[in-house]
């Protein structure tokens, strides 16, 4: 009975989430319209609607690119979610293993991701994962459960900020220790 219920919920979510799938041409048209609106001054770069449109454009562009691989959506979603979860750990290894003078440059992609997170008011990779897999499991959820809380959109946002703060503090501490110890 439980499996039947889960399948019913999955079907309902897919029906609810059915939308016209993006194509290369539709994404390019959306990008052109957004750029035209920005250029004409009809919208501002920091307007909530503009940021939402930019996030949607980023999601659609990446979905089109990913789907060109002809892999099933579930496999693509798994790959994106896996890379999304593991990338901070890979960068932590870079901070430890790269020469001291090069290691700070590894912060650039992470800072750009943080800026994108704030600009888009959330993570566009999470939306890509949801659109590919259809489940509402976020990469921050293990940390939320670990702290004895329940994942909600607000909790996920604040836990992301907390985990990110701890991460950047740890990286800063590692870089100071490396400088002092000539490591």
C-alpha atoms as a PDB file:
ATOM      1  CA  UNK A   1       0.000   0.000   0.000  1.00  0.00           C
ATOM      2  CA  UNK A   2       2.831   2.393   0.867  1.00  0.00           C
ATOM      3  CA  UNK A   3       4.485   1.821  -2.533  1.00  0.00           C
ATOM      4  CA  UNK A   4       1.182   2.454  -4.293  1.00  0.00           C
ATOM      5  CA  UNK A   5       0.770   5.718  -2.400  1.00  0.00           C
ATOM      6  CA  UNK A   6       4.296   6.821  -3.332  1.00  0.00           C
ATOM      7  CA  UNK A   7       3.675   6.052  -6.988  1.00  0.00           C
ATOM      8  CA  UNK A   8       0.401   7.997  -6.879  1.00  0.00           C
ATOM      9  CA  UNK A   9       2.178  10.994  -5.330  1.00  0.00           C
ATOM     10  CA  UNK A  10       4.898  10.776  -8.015  1.00  0.00           C
ATOM     11  CA  UNK A  11       2.266  10.705 -10.765  1.00  0.00           C
ATOM     12  CA  UNK A  12       0.440  13.671  -9.256  1.00  0.00           C
ATOM     13  CA  UNK A  13       3.679  15.659  -8.962  1.00  0.00           C
ATOM     14  CA  UNK A  14       4.614  14.923 -12.551  1.00  0.00           C
ATOM     15  CA  UNK A  15       1.163  15.968 -13.758  1.00  0.00           C
ATOM     16  CA  UNK A  16       1.287  19.121 -11.655  1.00  0.00           C
ATOM     17  CA  UNK A  17       4.816  19.877 -12.777  1.00  0.00           C
ATOM     18  CA  UNK A  18       4.116  19.263 -16.476  1.00  0.00           C
ATOM     19  CA  UNK A  19       5.234  22.211 -18.460  1.00  0.00           C
ATOM     20  CA  UNK A  20       6.447  22.794 -21.928  1.00  0.00           C
ATOM     21  CA  UNK A  21       9.972  21.482 -21.956  1.00  0.00           C
ATOM     22  CA  UNK A  22      12.543  24.067 -22.984  1.00  0.00           C
ATOM     23  CA  UNK A  23      14.251  23.896 -26.348  1.00  0.00           C
ATOM     24  CA  UNK A  24      17.404  25.604 -27.503  1.00  0.00           C
ATOM     25  CA  UNK A  25      15.350  28.089 -29.529  1.00  0.00           C
ATOM     26  CA  UNK A  26      12.953  28.899 -26.676  1.00  0.00           C
ATOM     27  CA  UNK A  27      15.862  29.471 -24.292  1.00  0.00           C
ATOM     28  CA  UNK A  28      17.606  31.761 -26.780  1.00  0.00           C
ATOM     29  CA  UNK A  29      14.371  33.687 -27.326  1.00  0.00           C
ATOM     30  CA  UNK A  30      13.871  34.083 -23.573  1.00  0.00           C
ATOM     31  CA  UNK A  31      17.470  35.300 -23.220  1.00  0.00           C
ATOM     32  CA  UNK A  32      16.954  37.809 -26.036  1.00  0.00           C
ATOM     33  CA  UNK A  33      13.727  39.123 -24.494  1.00  0.00           C
ATOM     34  CA  UNK A  34      15.345  39.446 -21.059  1.00  0.00           C
ATOM     35  CA  UNK A  35      18.368  41.239 -22.531  1.00  0.00           C
ATOM     36  CA  UNK A  36      16.073  43.556 -24.519  1.00  0.00           C
ATOM     37  CA  UNK A  37      14.041  44.359 -21.409  1.00  0.00           C
ATOM     38  CA  UNK A  38      17.212  45.141 -19.476  1.00  0.00           C
ATOM     39  CA  UNK A  39      18.650  47.249 -22.297  1.00  0.00           C
ATOM     40  CA  UNK A  40      15.458  49.270 -22.733  1.00  0.00           C
ATOM     41  CA  UNK A  41      15.297  49.969 -19.013  1.00  0.00           C
ATOM     42  CA  UNK A  42      11.864  48.350 -18.651  1.00  0.00           C
ATOM     43  CA  UNK A  43      13.232  46.186 -15.829  1.00  0.00           C
ATOM     44  CA  UNK A  44      16.110  46.525 -13.418  1.00  0.00           C
ATOM     45  CA  UNK A  45      18.857  43.979 -12.948  1.00  0.00           C
ATOM     46  CA  UNK A  46      18.013  43.556  -9.267  1.00  0.00           C
ATOM     47  CA  UNK A  47      14.207  43.393  -9.646  1.00  0.00           C
ATOM     48  CA  UNK A  48      12.766  40.227  -8.149  1.00  0.00           C
ATOM     49  CA  UNK A  49      10.997  39.391 -11.429  1.00  0.00           C
ATOM     50  CA  UNK A  50      14.231  39.855 -13.405  1.00  0.00           C
ATOM     51  CA  UNK A  51      16.137  37.601 -11.045  1.00  0.00           C
ATOM     52  CA  UNK A  52      13.361  34.985 -11.285  1.00  0.00           C
ATOM     53  CA  UNK A  53      13.462  35.168 -15.094  1.00  0.00           C
ATOM     54  CA  UNK A  54      17.270  34.877 -15.075  1.00  0.00           C
ATOM     55  CA  UNK A  55      17.095  31.847 -12.769  1.00  0.00           C
ATOM     56  CA  UNK A  56      14.479  30.232 -14.997  1.00  0.00           C
ATOM     57  CA  UNK A  57      16.650  30.946 -18.017  1.00  0.00           C
ATOM     58  CA  UNK A  58      19.687  29.390 -16.326  1.00  0.00           C
ATOM     59  CA  UNK A  59      17.674  26.293 -15.375  1.00  0.00           C
ATOM     60  CA  UNK A  60      16.179  25.879 -18.856  1.00  0.00           C
ATOM     61  CA  UNK A  61      19.539  26.402 -20.586  1.00  0.00           C
ATOM     62  CA  UNK A  62      21.196  23.740 -18.457  1.00  0.00           C
ATOM     63  CA  UNK A  63      18.291  21.317 -18.896  1.00  0.00           C
ATOM     64  CA  UNK A  64      18.550  21.653 -22.675  1.00  0.00           C
ATOM     65  CA  UNK A  65      22.312  21.070 -22.545  1.00  0.00           C
ATOM     66  CA  UNK A  66      22.019  18.091 -20.196  1.00  0.00           C
ATOM     67  CA  UNK A  67      19.260  16.421 -22.179  1.00  0.00           C
ATOM     68  CA  UNK A  68      21.379  16.511 -25.334  1.00  0.00           C
ATOM     69  CA  UNK A  69      23.340  13.642 -23.768  1.00  0.00           C
ATOM     70  CA  UNK A  70      20.295  11.386 -24.346  1.00  0.00           C
ATOM     71  CA  UNK A  71      20.561   9.966 -20.828  1.00  0.00           C
ATOM     72  CA  UNK A  72      17.356   9.403 -18.853  1.00  0.00           C
ATOM     73  CA  UNK A  73      16.345  12.319 -16.634  1.00  0.00           C
ATOM     74  CA  UNK A  74      16.786  10.233 -13.463  1.00  0.00           C
ATOM     75  CA  UNK A  75      20.424   9.493 -14.357  1.00  0.00           C
ATOM     76  CA  UNK A  76      21.092  13.138 -15.232  1.00  0.00           C
ATOM     77  CA  UNK A  77      19.469  14.200 -11.962  1.00  0.00           C
ATOM     78  CA  UNK A  78      21.610  11.750 -10.027  1.00  0.00           C
ATOM     79  CA  UNK A  79      24.783  13.060 -11.687  1.00  0.00           C
ATOM     80  CA  UNK A  80      23.868  16.705 -11.023  1.00  0.00           C
ATOM     81  CA  UNK A  81      22.888  15.983  -7.414  1.00  0.00           C
ATOM     82  CA  UNK A  82      26.059  13.997  -6.809  1.00  0.00           C
ATOM     83  CA  UNK A  83      28.321  16.706  -8.220  1.00  0.00           C
ATOM     84  CA  UNK A  84      26.326  19.373  -6.385  1.00  0.00           C
ATOM     85  CA  UNK A  85      26.826  17.544  -3.072  1.00  0.00           C
ATOM     86  CA  UNK A  86      30.488  16.592  -3.528  1.00  0.00           C
ATOM     87  CA  UNK A  87      31.944  19.737  -5.115  1.00  0.00           C
ATOM     88  CA  UNK A  88      32.513  21.591  -1.808  1.00  0.00           C
ATOM     89  CA  UNK A  89      34.478  18.600  -0.524  1.00  0.00           C
ATOM     90  CA  UNK A  90      36.570  18.504  -3.697  1.00  0.00           C
ATOM     91  CA  UNK A  91      37.361  22.186  -3.265  1.00  0.00           C
ATOM     92  CA  UNK A  92      38.301  21.562   0.361  1.00  0.00           C
ATOM     93  CA  UNK A  93      40.869  19.054  -0.908  1.00  0.00           C
ATOM     94  CA  UNK A  94      42.137  21.697  -3.333  1.00  0.00           C
ATOM     95  CA  UNK A  95      42.670  24.123  -0.438  1.00  0.00           C
ATOM     96  CA  UNK A  96      44.698  21.463   1.343  1.00  0.00           C
ATOM     97  CA  UNK A  97      46.715  20.156  -1.599  1.00  0.00           C
ATOM     98  CA  UNK A  98      47.358  23.133  -3.869  1.00  0.00           C
ATOM     99  CA  UNK A  99      50.432  25.300  -3.273  1.00  0.00           C
ATOM    100  CA  UNK A 100      49.661  28.084  -0.811  1.00  0.00           C
ATOM    101  CA  UNK A 101      49.912  30.849  -3.409  1.00  0.00           C
ATOM    102  CA  UNK A 102      47.465  29.084  -5.757  1.00  0.00           C
ATOM    103  CA  UNK A 103      44.935  27.747  -3.223  1.00  0.00           C
ATOM    104  CA  UNK A 104      43.081  31.064  -2.680  1.00  0.00           C
ATOM    105  CA  UNK A 105      42.212  31.164  -6.387  1.00  0.00           C
ATOM    106  CA  UNK A 106      40.119  28.036  -5.832  1.00  0.00           C
ATOM    107  CA  UNK A 107      37.764  30.286  -3.852  1.00  0.00           C
ATOM    108  CA  UNK A 108      36.698  32.148  -7.000  1.00  0.00           C
ATOM    109  CA  UNK A 109      34.208  29.519  -8.264  1.00  0.00           C
ATOM    110  CA  UNK A 110      32.774  29.063  -4.775  1.00  0.00           C
ATOM    111  CA  UNK A 111      32.317  32.794  -4.270  1.00  0.00           C
ATOM    112  CA  UNK A 112      30.641  33.023  -7.683  1.00  0.00           C
ATOM    113  CA  UNK A 113      28.281  30.215  -6.660  1.00  0.00           C
ATOM    114  CA  UNK A 114      27.470  32.053  -3.436  1.00  0.00           C
ATOM    115  CA  UNK A 115      26.744  35.256  -5.363  1.00  0.00           C
ATOM    116  CA  UNK A 116      24.489  33.275  -7.729  1.00  0.00           C
ATOM    117  CA  UNK A 117      22.712  31.744  -4.723  1.00  0.00           C
ATOM    118  CA  UNK A 118      21.886  35.194  -3.367  1.00  0.00           C
ATOM    119  CA  UNK A 119      21.067  36.709  -6.755  1.00  0.00           C
ATOM    120  CA  UNK A 120      18.720  33.890  -7.782  1.00  0.00           C
ATOM    121  CA  UNK A 121      17.258  33.700  -4.257  1.00  0.00           C
ATOM    122  CA  UNK A 122      18.175  30.044  -4.026  1.00  0.00           C
ATOM    123  CA  UNK A 123      20.164  27.439  -5.873  1.00  0.00           C
ATOM    124  CA  UNK A 124      19.347  26.889  -9.528  1.00  0.00           C
ATOM    125  CA  UNK A 125      21.018  23.454  -9.391  1.00  0.00           C
ATOM    126  CA  UNK A 126      18.410  22.320  -6.884  1.00  0.00           C
ATOM    127  CA  UNK A 127      15.673  23.319  -9.340  1.00  0.00           C
ATOM    128  CA  UNK A 128      17.447  21.399 -12.121  1.00  0.00           C
ATOM    129  CA  UNK A 129      17.639  18.353  -9.852  1.00  0.00           C
ATOM    130  CA  UNK A 130      13.935  18.611  -9.051  1.00  0.00           C
ATOM    131  CA  UNK A 131      12.954  19.029 -12.702  1.00  0.00           C
ATOM    132  CA  UNK A 132      15.040  15.993 -13.673  1.00  0.00           C
ATOM    133  CA  UNK A 133      14.176  13.676 -10.794  1.00  0.00           C
ATOM    134  CA  UNK A 134      10.858  14.968  -9.489  1.00  0.00           C
ATOM    135  CA  UNK A 135      11.727  14.416  -5.834  1.00  0.00           C
ATOM    136  CA  UNK A 136      12.074  17.093  -3.207  1.00  0.00           C
ATOM    137  CA  UNK A 137      15.323  15.948  -1.622  1.00  0.00           C
ATOM    138  CA  UNK A 138      17.813  18.765  -1.296  1.00  0.00           C
ATOM    139  CA  UNK A 139      21.557  18.456  -0.707  1.00  0.00           C
ATOM    140  CA  UNK A 140      21.218  20.494   2.492  1.00  0.00           C
ATOM    141  CA  UNK A 141      18.666  18.028   3.946  1.00  0.00           C
ATOM    142  CA  UNK A 142      21.271  15.751   5.632  1.00  0.00           C
ATOM    143  CA  UNK A 143      22.565  18.761   7.576  1.00  0.00           C
ATOM    144  CA  UNK A 144      19.008  19.808   8.489  1.00  0.00           C
ATOM    145  CA  UNK A 145      18.204  16.302   9.796  1.00  0.00           C
ATOM    146  CA  UNK A 146      21.579  16.075  11.500  1.00  0.00           C
ATOM    147  CA  UNK A 147      20.659  19.177  13.527  1.00  0.00           C
ATOM    148  CA  UNK A 148      17.317  17.571  14.469  1.00  0.00           C
ATOM    149  CA  UNK A 149      15.187  19.853  12.313  1.00  0.00           C
ATOM    150  CA  UNK A 150      12.674  19.279   9.515  1.00  0.00           C
ATOM    151  CA  UNK A 151      13.456  20.432   5.952  1.00  0.00           C
ATOM    152  CA  UNK A 152      11.260  23.308   4.838  1.00  0.00           C
ATOM    153  CA  UNK A 153      12.075  25.956   2.234  1.00  0.00           C
ATOM    154  CA  UNK A 154      12.942  28.494   4.952  1.00  0.00           C
ATOM    155  CA  UNK A 155      14.974  25.983   6.973  1.00  0.00           C
ATOM    156  CA  UNK A 156      16.868  24.938   3.862  1.00  0.00           C
ATOM    157  CA  UNK A 157      17.718  28.541   3.045  1.00  0.00           C
ATOM    158  CA  UNK A 158      18.972  29.329   6.553  1.00  0.00           C
ATOM    159  CA  UNK A 159      20.846  26.051   6.932  1.00  0.00           C
ATOM    160  CA  UNK A 160      22.513  26.707   3.586  1.00  0.00           C
ATOM    161  CA  UNK A 161      23.674  30.076   4.911  1.00  0.00           C
ATOM    162  CA  UNK A 162      24.897  28.427   8.115  1.00  0.00           C
ATOM    163  CA  UNK A 163      26.747  25.588   6.400  1.00  0.00           C
ATOM    164  CA  UNK A 164      28.256  28.041   3.917  1.00  0.00           C
ATOM    165  CA  UNK A 165      29.426  30.307   6.746  1.00  0.00           C
ATOM    166  CA  UNK A 166      31.061  27.375   8.522  1.00  0.00           C
ATOM    167  CA  UNK A 167      32.637  26.222   5.247  1.00  0.00           C
ATOM    168  CA  UNK A 168      34.152  29.614   4.372  1.00  0.00           C
ATOM    169  CA  UNK A 169      35.347  30.045   7.985  1.00  0.00           C
ATOM    170  CA  UNK A 170      37.006  26.631   7.855  1.00  0.00           C
ATOM    171  CA  UNK A 171      38.702  27.472   4.565  1.00  0.00           C
ATOM    172  CA  UNK A 172      39.911  30.805   5.986  1.00  0.00           C
ATOM    173  CA  UNK A 173      41.259  29.021   9.067  1.00  0.00           C
ATOM    174  CA  UNK A 174      43.013  26.407   6.917  1.00  0.00           C
ATOM    175  CA  UNK A 175      44.625  29.134   4.833  1.00  0.00           C
ATOM    176  CA  UNK A 176      45.855  30.958   7.971  1.00  0.00           C
ATOM    177  CA  UNK A 177      47.264  27.735   9.415  1.00  0.00           C
ATOM    178  CA  UNK A 178      49.006  26.987   6.120  1.00  0.00           C
ATOM    179  CA  UNK A 179      50.518  30.481   6.069  1.00  0.00           C
ATOM    180  CA  UNK A 180      51.799  30.217   9.634  1.00  0.00           C
ATOM    181  CA  UNK A 181      53.218  26.712   9.159  1.00  0.00           C
ATOM    182  CA  UNK A 182      54.543  27.302   5.610  1.00  0.00           C
ATOM    183  CA  UNK A 183      52.523  24.228   4.593  1.00  0.00           C
END
